Amino acid sequence: MNMKDNKQEILMISARIYEDISLSDTTPAEKLPCKSITIMRPAHDSGFPSGFRLDAEKHRGNIKLVKGEQELLSLFLANLQRVDPDVLMGHRLEDLDYSILLSRLKERKTPGWHKIGRLRRSQWPSTMGKGGSSFFVERQLVAGRLLVVFHVHDGTDSDAHQGQRWCIQIVRVA
């Protein structure tokens, strides 16, 4: 949260990429080959904490450190275009992260913002960010990809934290 402007900003985007997965494959996700990427920026102009950059370089995964939100968003879109996934999946993606991502792409006027979906667009929809109609507009922007949202849900906190029960919602898009 940017307290000065009272706006949510993106500090990090992380993705795990599974390629050539069969829908009938029952292999657990943790045993499938995958790549990961994490793109991070510092929270303030002061930069990353001392020694953080060295620790990030030692990490097994692919961690990219960038200076600002615009660079983070552009690098994410470039990776999204390169991988061109059929499915975008995430925890609470539909009601939180996806909306914030779209609003930041729009506010920052990020080139290539339309790559979030597979349709080439030159302008943001006129109803974007205007009340209840935004829900449907946001789904149209990801057209050509399947948006899968999962929530950890159970009656008790302990079960939710252990992930014993998953509730999967599939948001279908045209």
C-alpha atoms as a PDB file:
ATOM      1  CA  MET A   1       0.000   0.000   0.000  1.00  0.00           C
ATOM      2  CA  ASN A   2       1.356   3.369  -1.004  1.00  0.00           C
ATOM      3  CA  MET A   3       0.270   5.455   1.991  1.00  0.00           C
ATOM      4  CA  LYS A   4       1.074   8.755   0.317  1.00  0.00           C
ATOM      5  CA  ASP A   5      -1.240   8.109  -2.651  1.00  0.00           C
ATOM      6  CA  ASN A   6      -3.521   5.669  -0.771  1.00  0.00           C
ATOM      7  CA  LYS A   7      -3.181   3.064  -3.558  1.00  0.00           C
ATOM      8  CA  GLN A   8      -2.279  -0.580  -3.602  1.00  0.00           C
ATOM      9  CA  GLU A   9       0.946  -1.301  -5.468  1.00  0.00           C
ATOM     10  CA  ILE A  10       2.665  -4.489  -6.528  1.00  0.00           C
ATOM     11  CA  LEU A  11       5.963  -5.341  -4.840  1.00  0.00           C
ATOM     12  CA  MET A  12       6.356  -8.896  -6.113  1.00  0.00           C
ATOM     13  CA  ILE A  13       4.973 -11.251  -8.733  1.00  0.00           C
ATOM     14  CA  SER A  14       5.798 -14.923  -8.571  1.00  0.00           C
ATOM     15  CA  ALA A  15       4.852 -17.695 -10.987  1.00  0.00           C
ATOM     16  CA  ARG A  16       5.436 -21.409 -11.262  1.00  0.00           C
ATOM     17  CA  ILE A  17       5.355 -22.677 -14.828  1.00  0.00           C
ATOM     18  CA  TYR A  18       4.385 -26.221 -15.769  1.00  0.00           C
ATOM     19  CA  GLU A  19       4.716 -27.042 -19.459  1.00  0.00           C
ATOM     20  CA  ASP A  20       3.081 -29.768 -21.541  1.00  0.00           C
ATOM     21  CA  ILE A  21       0.830 -31.100 -18.782  1.00  0.00           C
ATOM     22  CA  SER A  22      -1.757 -33.716 -19.675  1.00  0.00           C
ATOM     23  CA  LEU A  23      -5.219 -33.291 -18.165  1.00  0.00           C
ATOM     24  CA  SER A  24      -5.312 -37.021 -17.451  1.00  0.00           C
ATOM     25  CA  ASP A  25      -1.926 -37.064 -15.663  1.00  0.00           C
ATOM     26  CA  THR A  26      -2.365 -37.883 -11.974  1.00  0.00           C
ATOM     27  CA  THR A  27       1.204 -37.054 -10.959  1.00  0.00           C
ATOM     28  CA  PRO A  28       1.211 -34.733  -7.918  1.00  0.00           C
ATOM     29  CA  ALA A  29       2.233 -31.150  -8.771  1.00  0.00           C
ATOM     30  CA  GLU A  30       5.306 -31.293  -6.527  1.00  0.00           C
ATOM     31  CA  LYS A  31       6.689 -34.165  -8.641  1.00  0.00           C
ATOM     32  CA  LEU A  32       6.150 -32.487 -12.024  1.00  0.00           C
ATOM     33  CA  PRO A  33       9.004 -30.616 -13.682  1.00  0.00           C
ATOM     34  CA  CYS A  34       8.516 -26.874 -13.496  1.00  0.00           C
ATOM     35  CA  LYS A  35      10.248 -23.515 -13.635  1.00  0.00           C
ATOM     36  CA  SER A  36       9.643 -20.602 -11.344  1.00  0.00           C
ATOM     37  CA  ILE A  37      10.148 -16.902 -11.626  1.00  0.00           C
ATOM     38  CA  THR A  38       9.888 -14.199  -9.014  1.00  0.00           C
ATOM     39  CA  ILE A  39      10.124 -10.509  -9.819  1.00  0.00           C
ATOM     40  CA  MET A  40      10.605  -8.138  -6.890  1.00  0.00           C
ATOM     41  CA  ARG A  41      11.025  -4.435  -6.324  1.00  0.00           C
ATOM     42  CA  PRO A  42      11.888  -2.561  -3.127  1.00  0.00           C
ATOM     43  CA  ALA A  43       9.015  -1.167  -1.087  1.00  0.00           C
ATOM     44  CA  HIS A  44      10.510   2.300  -0.920  1.00  0.00           C
ATOM     45  CA  ASP A  45      13.120   4.351  -2.734  1.00  0.00           C
ATOM     46  CA  SER A  46      15.685   3.209  -0.177  1.00  0.00           C
ATOM     47  CA  GLY A  47      16.271  -0.058  -2.026  1.00  0.00           C
ATOM     48  CA  PHE A  48      16.536  -3.623  -0.810  1.00  0.00           C
ATOM     49  CA  PRO A  49      17.911  -4.446   2.658  1.00  0.00           C
ATOM     50  CA  SER A  50      21.648  -4.933   3.001  1.00  0.00           C
ATOM     51  CA  GLY A  51      22.727  -8.351   1.685  1.00  0.00           C
ATOM     52  CA  PHE A  52      19.349  -9.115   0.114  1.00  0.00           C
ATOM     53  CA  ARG A  53      20.633  -8.927  -3.447  1.00  0.00           C
ATOM     54  CA  LEU A  54      23.385 -11.478  -2.684  1.00  0.00           C
ATOM     55  CA  ASP A  55      20.885 -13.833  -1.023  1.00  0.00           C
ATOM     56  CA  ALA A  56      18.565 -13.559  -4.033  1.00  0.00           C
ATOM     57  CA  GLU A  57      21.398 -14.491  -6.396  1.00  0.00           C
ATOM     58  CA  LYS A  58      22.119 -17.637  -4.341  1.00  0.00           C
ATOM     59  CA  HIS A  59      18.491 -18.813  -4.509  1.00  0.00           C
ATOM     60  CA  ARG A  60      17.816 -21.837  -6.715  1.00  0.00           C
ATOM     61  CA  GLY A  61      14.841 -20.246  -8.426  1.00  0.00           C
ATOM     62  CA  ASN A  62      14.843 -17.459 -10.916  1.00  0.00           C
ATOM     63  CA  ILE A  63      14.633 -14.204  -8.916  1.00  0.00           C
ATOM     64  CA  LYS A  64      14.785 -10.891 -10.745  1.00  0.00           C
ATOM     65  CA  LEU A  65      15.254  -7.719  -8.745  1.00  0.00           C
ATOM     66  CA  VAL A  66      13.996  -4.536 -10.392  1.00  0.00           C
ATOM     67  CA  LYS A  67      13.917  -0.892  -9.370  1.00  0.00           C
ATOM     68  CA  GLY A  68      10.252   0.008  -9.783  1.00  0.00           C
ATOM     69  CA  GLU A  69       6.701  -1.157 -10.346  1.00  0.00           C
ATOM     70  CA  GLN A  70       6.669  -0.248 -14.048  1.00  0.00           C
ATOM     71  CA  GLU A  71       9.694  -2.458 -14.714  1.00  0.00           C
ATOM     72  CA  LEU A  72       8.151  -5.260 -12.639  1.00  0.00           C
ATOM     73  CA  LEU A  73       4.901  -5.143 -14.633  1.00  0.00           C
ATOM     74  CA  SER A  74       6.703  -4.998 -18.002  1.00  0.00           C
ATOM     75  CA  LEU A  75       8.951  -7.943 -17.125  1.00  0.00           C
ATOM     76  CA  PHE A  76       5.958  -9.960 -15.938  1.00  0.00           C
ATOM     77  CA  LEU A  77       4.078  -9.319 -19.196  1.00  0.00           C
ATOM     78  CA  ALA A  78       7.161 -10.228 -21.239  1.00  0.00           C
ATOM     79  CA  ASN A  79       7.400 -13.553 -19.383  1.00  0.00           C
ATOM     80  CA  LEU A  80       3.670 -14.129 -19.781  1.00  0.00           C
ATOM     81  CA  GLN A  81       3.923 -13.565 -23.523  1.00  0.00           C
ATOM     82  CA  ARG A  82       6.975 -15.837 -23.815  1.00  0.00           C
ATOM     83  CA  VAL A  83       5.328 -18.724 -21.941  1.00  0.00           C
ATOM     84  CA  ASP A  84       1.798 -18.057 -23.318  1.00  0.00           C
ATOM     85  CA  PRO A  85      -0.009 -20.189 -20.715  1.00  0.00           C
ATOM     86  CA  ASP A  86      -3.426 -21.710 -21.322  1.00  0.00           C
ATOM     87  CA  VAL A  87      -4.280 -21.476 -17.621  1.00  0.00           C
ATOM     88  CA  LEU A  88      -3.670 -18.783 -15.001  1.00  0.00           C
ATOM     89  CA  MET A  89      -4.131 -20.162 -11.505  1.00  0.00           C
ATOM     90  CA  GLY A  90      -3.863 -18.607  -8.095  1.00  0.00           C
ATOM     91  CA  HIS A  91      -5.142 -18.322  -4.544  1.00  0.00           C
ATOM     92  CA  ARG A  92      -7.894 -15.665  -4.362  1.00  0.00           C
ATOM     93  CA  LEU A  93      -6.854 -14.553  -7.828  1.00  0.00           C
ATOM     94  CA  GLU A  94     -10.294 -13.432  -8.976  1.00  0.00           C
ATOM     95  CA  ASP A  95     -11.293 -11.279  -6.019  1.00  0.00           C
ATOM     96  CA  LEU A  96      -7.997  -9.660  -5.138  1.00  0.00           C
ATOM     97  CA  ASP A  97      -4.751 -10.095  -7.032  1.00  0.00           C
ATOM     98  CA  TYR A  98      -6.118 -10.078 -10.587  1.00  0.00           C
ATOM     99  CA  SER A  99      -8.060  -6.841 -10.033  1.00  0.00           C
ATOM    100  CA  ILE A 100      -5.038  -5.141  -8.475  1.00  0.00           C
ATOM    101  CA  LEU A 101      -2.810  -6.321 -11.329  1.00  0.00           C
ATOM    102  CA  LEU A 102      -5.206  -4.916 -13.917  1.00  0.00           C
ATOM    103  CA  SER A 103      -5.618  -1.603 -12.094  1.00  0.00           C
ATOM    104  CA  ARG A 104      -1.835  -1.173 -11.812  1.00  0.00           C
ATOM    105  CA  LEU A 105      -1.323  -2.057 -15.496  1.00  0.00           C
ATOM    106  CA  LYS A 106      -3.931   0.537 -16.430  1.00  0.00           C
ATOM    107  CA  GLU A 107      -2.720   3.273 -14.074  1.00  0.00           C
ATOM    108  CA  ARG A 108       0.922   2.787 -15.086  1.00  0.00           C
ATOM    109  CA  LYS A 109      -0.087   2.729 -18.774  1.00  0.00           C
ATOM    110  CA  THR A 110       2.044  -0.382 -19.165  1.00  0.00           C
ATOM    111  CA  PRO A 111       2.749  -1.156 -22.835  1.00  0.00           C
ATOM    112  CA  GLY A 112       1.443  -4.556 -23.918  1.00  0.00           C
ATOM    113  CA  TRP A 113      -1.097  -4.725 -21.068  1.00  0.00           C
ATOM    114  CA  HIS A 114      -3.434  -6.699 -23.347  1.00  0.00           C
ATOM    115  CA  LYS A 115      -1.048  -9.687 -23.188  1.00  0.00           C
ATOM    116  CA  ILE A 116      -2.800 -10.691 -19.963  1.00  0.00           C
ATOM    117  CA  GLY A 117      -5.210 -12.360 -22.410  1.00  0.00           C
ATOM    118  CA  ARG A 118      -4.803 -13.559 -25.963  1.00  0.00           C
ATOM    119  CA  LEU A 119      -6.774 -10.866 -27.754  1.00  0.00           C
ATOM    120  CA  ARG A 120      -4.854  -7.870 -29.012  1.00  0.00           C
ATOM    121  CA  ARG A 121      -6.450  -4.684 -27.708  1.00  0.00           C
ATOM    122  CA  SER A 122      -5.480  -1.081 -28.258  1.00  0.00           C
ATOM    123  CA  GLN A 123      -7.662   0.506 -25.574  1.00  0.00           C
ATOM    124  CA  TRP A 124      -8.887  -0.380 -22.125  1.00  0.00           C
ATOM    125  CA  PRO A 125     -12.636  -1.083 -21.989  1.00  0.00           C
ATOM    126  CA  SER A 126     -14.543   2.084 -21.099  1.00  0.00           C
ATOM    127  CA  THR A 127     -16.340   0.397 -18.185  1.00  0.00           C
ATOM    128  CA  MET A 128     -13.110  -0.798 -16.540  1.00  0.00           C
ATOM    129  CA  GLY A 129     -13.026   0.187 -12.870  1.00  0.00           C
ATOM    130  CA  LYS A 130     -16.619   1.435 -12.825  1.00  0.00           C
ATOM    131  CA  GLY A 131     -18.643  -0.486 -10.267  1.00  0.00           C
ATOM    132  CA  GLY A 132     -20.157  -3.923 -10.708  1.00  0.00           C
ATOM    133  CA  SER A 133     -19.571  -4.105 -14.455  1.00  0.00           C
ATOM    134  CA  SER A 134     -15.803  -4.344 -13.842  1.00  0.00           C
ATOM    135  CA  PHE A 135     -16.178  -7.991 -12.833  1.00  0.00           C
ATOM    136  CA  PHE A 136     -17.231  -9.003 -16.344  1.00  0.00           C
ATOM    137  CA  VAL A 137     -14.812  -6.639 -18.072  1.00  0.00           C
ATOM    138  CA  GLU A 138     -11.897  -8.094 -16.091  1.00  0.00           C
ATOM    139  CA  ARG A 139     -12.889 -11.593 -17.229  1.00  0.00           C
ATOM    140  CA  GLN A 140     -13.043 -10.465 -20.849  1.00  0.00           C
ATOM    141  CA  LEU A 141      -9.490  -9.105 -20.667  1.00  0.00           C
ATOM    142  CA  VAL A 142      -8.126 -12.586 -19.954  1.00  0.00           C
ATOM    143  CA  ALA A 143     -10.007 -14.044 -22.946  1.00  0.00           C
ATOM    144  CA  GLY A 144      -8.245 -17.044 -24.438  1.00  0.00           C
ATOM    145  CA  ARG A 145      -6.924 -18.267 -21.097  1.00  0.00           C
ATOM    146  CA  LEU A 146      -8.627 -20.228 -18.356  1.00  0.00           C
ATOM    147  CA  LEU A 147      -8.630 -18.490 -14.987  1.00  0.00           C
ATOM    148  CA  VAL A 148      -8.557 -21.006 -12.115  1.00  0.00           C
ATOM    149  CA  VAL A 149      -9.030 -19.687  -8.617  1.00  0.00           C
ATOM    150  CA  PHE A 150      -8.570 -21.708  -5.449  1.00  0.00           C
ATOM    151  CA  HIS A 151      -9.423 -20.874  -1.877  1.00  0.00           C
ATOM    152  CA  VAL A 152      -8.342 -22.679   1.241  1.00  0.00           C
ATOM    153  CA  HIS A 153     -11.685 -23.103   2.938  1.00  0.00           C
ATOM    154  CA  ASP A 154     -12.883 -24.961   5.984  1.00  0.00           C
ATOM    155  CA  GLY A 155     -14.673 -24.146   9.189  1.00  0.00           C
ATOM    156  CA  THR A 156     -11.564 -23.976  11.337  1.00  0.00           C
ATOM    157  CA  ASP A 157      -8.415 -21.934  11.100  1.00  0.00           C
ATOM    158  CA  SER A 158      -6.163 -24.940  11.665  1.00  0.00           C
ATOM    159  CA  ASP A 159      -7.636 -26.823   8.706  1.00  0.00           C
ATOM    160  CA  ALA A 160      -7.362 -23.751   6.504  1.00  0.00           C
ATOM    161  CA  HIS A 161      -3.695 -23.280   7.349  1.00  0.00           C
ATOM    162  CA  GLN A 162      -2.924 -26.938   6.728  1.00  0.00           C
ATOM    163  CA  GLY A 163      -4.690 -26.866   3.381  1.00  0.00           C
ATOM    164  CA  GLN A 164      -6.635 -30.028   4.133  1.00  0.00           C
ATOM    165  CA  ARG A 165      -9.576 -28.981   2.030  1.00  0.00           C
ATOM    166  CA  TRP A 166      -9.401 -27.018  -1.215  1.00  0.00           C
ATOM    167  CA  CYS A 167     -12.286 -25.307  -2.901  1.00  0.00           C
ATOM    168  CA  ILE A 168     -11.619 -24.830  -6.613  1.00  0.00           C
ATOM    169  CA  GLN A 169     -13.519 -22.293  -8.674  1.00  0.00           C
ATOM    170  CA  ILE A 170     -13.047 -22.247 -12.391  1.00  0.00           C
ATOM    171  CA  VAL A 171     -13.889 -18.950 -14.037  1.00  0.00           C
ATOM    172  CA  ARG A 172     -14.733 -19.575 -17.661  1.00  0.00           C
ATOM    173  CA  VAL A 173     -13.966 -16.867 -20.173  1.00  0.00           C
ATOM    174  CA  ALA A 174     -14.838 -16.516 -23.835  1.00  0.00           C
END
